[in-house]
Amino acid sequence: MELRNRGLVSSKKGPVGGYELRRPPADITVGSVIRMIEGPLAPLPCARETNHRRYDECTDELSCGTRLVMRRVRDAMAHILDSTTLADVIHEVDRAKALETRGSLGAFNI
């Protein structure tokens, strides 16, 4: 519902209904979809760029080691997710399926 309200997908009711993307997969990043559904990417509220929230028990937010590391984690996640499109994911899945069909990944299935 959120993705439809944000204009990412359109919906069609009925027995042959469903959802479809309103833009090409190459124009939609994984990061934008996650932010639409989950909100900010940061693992902790104090490491967010938007909707930042400081912890009450934090005495020195600027030099807090946990916050500094979580900011790096957030930045690394954002770099990967914002540079990966849905088309990239489709391509990776197709490639993995092709390798699996040839037996190249069979030993790694969990």
C-alpha atoms as a PDB file:
ATOM      1  CA  MET A   1       0.000   0.000   0.000  1.00  0.00           C
ATOM      2  CA  GLU A   2       2.806   2.426   0.903  1.00  0.00           C
ATOM      3  CA  LEU A   3       4.550   1.839  -2.420  1.00  0.00           C
ATOM      4  CA  ARG A   4       1.304   2.528  -4.264  1.00  0.00           C
ATOM      5  CA  ASN A   5       0.631   5.674  -2.240  1.00  0.00           C
ATOM      6  CA  ARG A   6       4.154   6.894  -3.047  1.00  0.00           C
ATOM      7  CA  GLY A   7       3.592   6.334  -6.781  1.00  0.00           C
ATOM      8  CA  LEU A   8       6.084   3.510  -7.190  1.00  0.00           C
ATOM      9  CA  VAL A   9       3.539   0.878  -8.202  1.00  0.00           C
ATOM     10  CA  SER A  10       0.020   0.859  -9.573  1.00  0.00           C
ATOM     11  CA  SER A  11      -2.565  -1.731  -8.658  1.00  0.00           C
ATOM     12  CA  LYS A  12      -5.281  -3.503 -10.559  1.00  0.00           C
ATOM     13  CA  LYS A  13      -8.154  -5.345  -8.842  1.00  0.00           C
ATOM     14  CA  GLY A  14      -9.660  -8.605  -9.929  1.00  0.00           C
ATOM     15  CA  PRO A  15      -8.657 -12.171 -10.701  1.00  0.00           C
ATOM     16  CA  VAL A  16      -5.900 -11.046 -13.085  1.00  0.00           C
ATOM     17  CA  GLY A  17      -5.020  -8.044 -10.967  1.00  0.00           C
ATOM     18  CA  GLY A  18      -1.875  -7.269  -9.057  1.00  0.00           C
ATOM     19  CA  TYR A  19       0.808  -4.638  -8.864  1.00  0.00           C
ATOM     20  CA  GLU A  20       3.158  -3.281 -11.502  1.00  0.00           C
ATOM     21  CA  LEU A  21       5.974  -0.762 -11.416  1.00  0.00           C
ATOM     22  CA  ARG A  22       5.125   2.716 -12.644  1.00  0.00           C
ATOM     23  CA  ARG A  23       8.747   3.387 -13.654  1.00  0.00           C
ATOM     24  CA  PRO A  24      11.367   1.187 -15.309  1.00  0.00           C
ATOM     25  CA  PRO A  25      13.316  -1.032 -12.852  1.00  0.00           C
ATOM     26  CA  ALA A  26      16.536   0.716 -13.920  1.00  0.00           C
ATOM     27  CA  ASP A  27      15.136   3.994 -12.515  1.00  0.00           C
ATOM     28  CA  ILE A  28      14.323   2.621  -9.037  1.00  0.00           C
ATOM     29  CA  THR A  29      17.042   2.080  -6.444  1.00  0.00           C
ATOM     30  CA  VAL A  30      16.821  -0.502  -3.698  1.00  0.00           C
ATOM     31  CA  GLY A  31      17.641   2.261  -1.212  1.00  0.00           C
ATOM     32  CA  SER A  32      14.618   4.328  -2.242  1.00  0.00           C
ATOM     33  CA  VAL A  33      12.302   1.329  -1.842  1.00  0.00           C
ATOM     34  CA  ILE A  34      13.677   0.492   1.606  1.00  0.00           C
ATOM     35  CA  ARG A  35      13.316   4.096   2.743  1.00  0.00           C
ATOM     36  CA  MET A  36       9.691   4.136   1.515  1.00  0.00           C
ATOM     37  CA  ILE A  37       8.871   0.992   3.488  1.00  0.00           C
ATOM     38  CA  GLU A  38      11.159   1.154   6.526  1.00  0.00           C
ATOM     39  CA  GLY A  39      12.314   4.750   6.825  1.00  0.00           C
ATOM     40  CA  PRO A  40      15.941   5.812   7.389  1.00  0.00           C
ATOM     41  CA  LEU A  41      18.705   3.288   6.684  1.00  0.00           C
ATOM     42  CA  ALA A  42      20.787   3.921   9.806  1.00  0.00           C
ATOM     43  CA  PRO A  43      20.919   1.021  12.272  1.00  0.00           C
ATOM     44  CA  LEU A  44      20.532   3.412  15.225  1.00  0.00           C
ATOM     45  CA  PRO A  45      18.398   6.568  15.511  1.00  0.00           C
ATOM     46  CA  CYS A  46      21.429   8.662  16.539  1.00  0.00           C
ATOM     47  CA  ALA A  47      23.229   7.716  13.294  1.00  0.00           C
ATOM     48  CA  ARG A  48      20.420   8.830  10.975  1.00  0.00           C
ATOM     49  CA  GLU A  49      20.718  11.710   8.544  1.00  0.00           C
ATOM     50  CA  THR A  50      16.946  12.288   8.698  1.00  0.00           C
ATOM     51  CA  ASN A  51      14.755  11.949  11.773  1.00  0.00           C
ATOM     52  CA  HIS A  52      17.891  11.991  13.915  1.00  0.00           C
ATOM     53  CA  ARG A  53      17.241  11.139  17.565  1.00  0.00           C
ATOM     54  CA  ARG A  54      19.782  11.439  20.350  1.00  0.00           C
ATOM     55  CA  TYR A  55      19.775   8.915  23.187  1.00  0.00           C
ATOM     56  CA  ASP A  56      19.096  10.493  26.591  1.00  0.00           C
ATOM     57  CA  GLU A  57      21.926   8.552  28.241  1.00  0.00           C
ATOM     58  CA  CYS A  58      24.487   9.722  25.663  1.00  0.00           C
ATOM     59  CA  THR A  59      26.856  12.224  27.265  1.00  0.00           C
ATOM     60  CA  ASP A  60      28.901  13.154  24.187  1.00  0.00           C
ATOM     61  CA  GLU A  61      27.158  12.341  20.941  1.00  0.00           C
ATOM     62  CA  LEU A  62      29.846  13.837  18.696  1.00  0.00           C
ATOM     63  CA  SER A  63      32.612  11.561  20.018  1.00  0.00           C
ATOM     64  CA  CYS A  64      30.514   8.475  20.803  1.00  0.00           C
ATOM     65  CA  GLY A  65      32.352   5.463  19.344  1.00  0.00           C
ATOM     66  CA  THR A  66      29.168   3.494  18.728  1.00  0.00           C
ATOM     67  CA  ARG A  67      27.575   6.381  16.841  1.00  0.00           C
ATOM     68  CA  LEU A  68      30.721   6.964  14.771  1.00  0.00           C
ATOM     69  CA  VAL A  69      30.853   3.291  13.716  1.00  0.00           C
ATOM     70  CA  MET A  70      27.102   3.166  13.015  1.00  0.00           C
ATOM     71  CA  ARG A  71      27.430   6.261  10.812  1.00  0.00           C
ATOM     72  CA  ARG A  72      30.043   4.398   8.738  1.00  0.00           C
ATOM     73  CA  VAL A  73      27.732   1.377   8.584  1.00  0.00           C
ATOM     74  CA  ARG A  74      24.894   3.638   7.453  1.00  0.00           C
ATOM     75  CA  ASP A  75      27.082   5.288   4.811  1.00  0.00           C
ATOM     76  CA  ALA A  76      28.264   1.914   3.455  1.00  0.00           C
ATOM     77  CA  MET A  77      24.693   0.591   3.320  1.00  0.00           C
ATOM     78  CA  ALA A  78      23.476   3.753   1.596  1.00  0.00           C
ATOM     79  CA  HIS A  79      26.272   3.561  -0.979  1.00  0.00           C
ATOM     80  CA  ILE A  80      25.393  -0.024  -1.930  1.00  0.00           C
ATOM     81  CA  LEU A  81      21.598   0.331  -1.793  1.00  0.00           C
ATOM     82  CA  ASP A  82      21.494   3.702  -3.572  1.00  0.00           C
ATOM     83  CA  SER A  83      23.732   2.474  -6.391  1.00  0.00           C
ATOM     84  CA  THR A  84      21.765  -0.770  -6.912  1.00  0.00           C
ATOM     85  CA  THR A  85      18.626  -0.598  -9.033  1.00  0.00           C
ATOM     86  CA  LEU A  86      15.818  -3.111  -9.283  1.00  0.00           C
ATOM     87  CA  ALA A  87      17.138  -3.909 -12.768  1.00  0.00           C
ATOM     88  CA  ASP A  88      20.500  -4.785 -11.188  1.00  0.00           C
ATOM     89  CA  VAL A  89      18.754  -7.134  -8.754  1.00  0.00           C
ATOM     90  CA  ILE A  90      16.795  -8.788 -11.573  1.00  0.00           C
ATOM     91  CA  HIS A  91      20.044  -9.296 -13.494  1.00  0.00           C
ATOM     92  CA  GLU A  92      21.811 -10.771 -10.430  1.00  0.00           C
ATOM     93  CA  VAL A  93      18.918 -13.160  -9.742  1.00  0.00           C
ATOM     94  CA  ASP A  94      18.824 -14.291 -13.378  1.00  0.00           C
ATOM     95  CA  ARG A  95      22.592 -14.861 -13.330  1.00  0.00           C
ATOM     96  CA  ALA A  96      22.419 -16.823 -10.055  1.00  0.00           C
ATOM     97  CA  LYS A  97      19.593 -18.989 -11.426  1.00  0.00           C
ATOM     98  CA  ALA A  98      21.568 -19.685 -14.589  1.00  0.00           C
ATOM     99  CA  LEU A  99      24.612 -20.710 -12.550  1.00  0.00           C
ATOM    100  CA  GLU A 100      22.456 -22.894 -10.317  1.00  0.00           C
ATOM    101  CA  THR A 101      20.917 -24.584 -13.345  1.00  0.00           C
ATOM    102  CA  ARG A 102      24.405 -25.447 -14.587  1.00  0.00           C
ATOM    103  CA  GLY A 103      25.292 -26.818 -11.143  1.00  0.00           C
ATOM    104  CA  SER A 104      27.798 -24.133 -10.249  1.00  0.00           C
ATOM    105  CA  LEU A 105      25.965 -23.026  -7.097  1.00  0.00           C
ATOM    106  CA  GLY A 106      24.365 -26.302  -6.064  1.00  0.00           C
ATOM    107  CA  ALA A 107      26.948 -26.991  -3.363  1.00  0.00           C
ATOM    108  CA  PHE A 108      26.297 -23.642  -1.698  1.00  0.00           C
ATOM    109  CA  ASN A 109      22.535 -23.900  -1.211  1.00  0.00           C
ATOM    110  CA  ILE A 110      21.489 -23.664   2.418  1.00  0.00           C
END
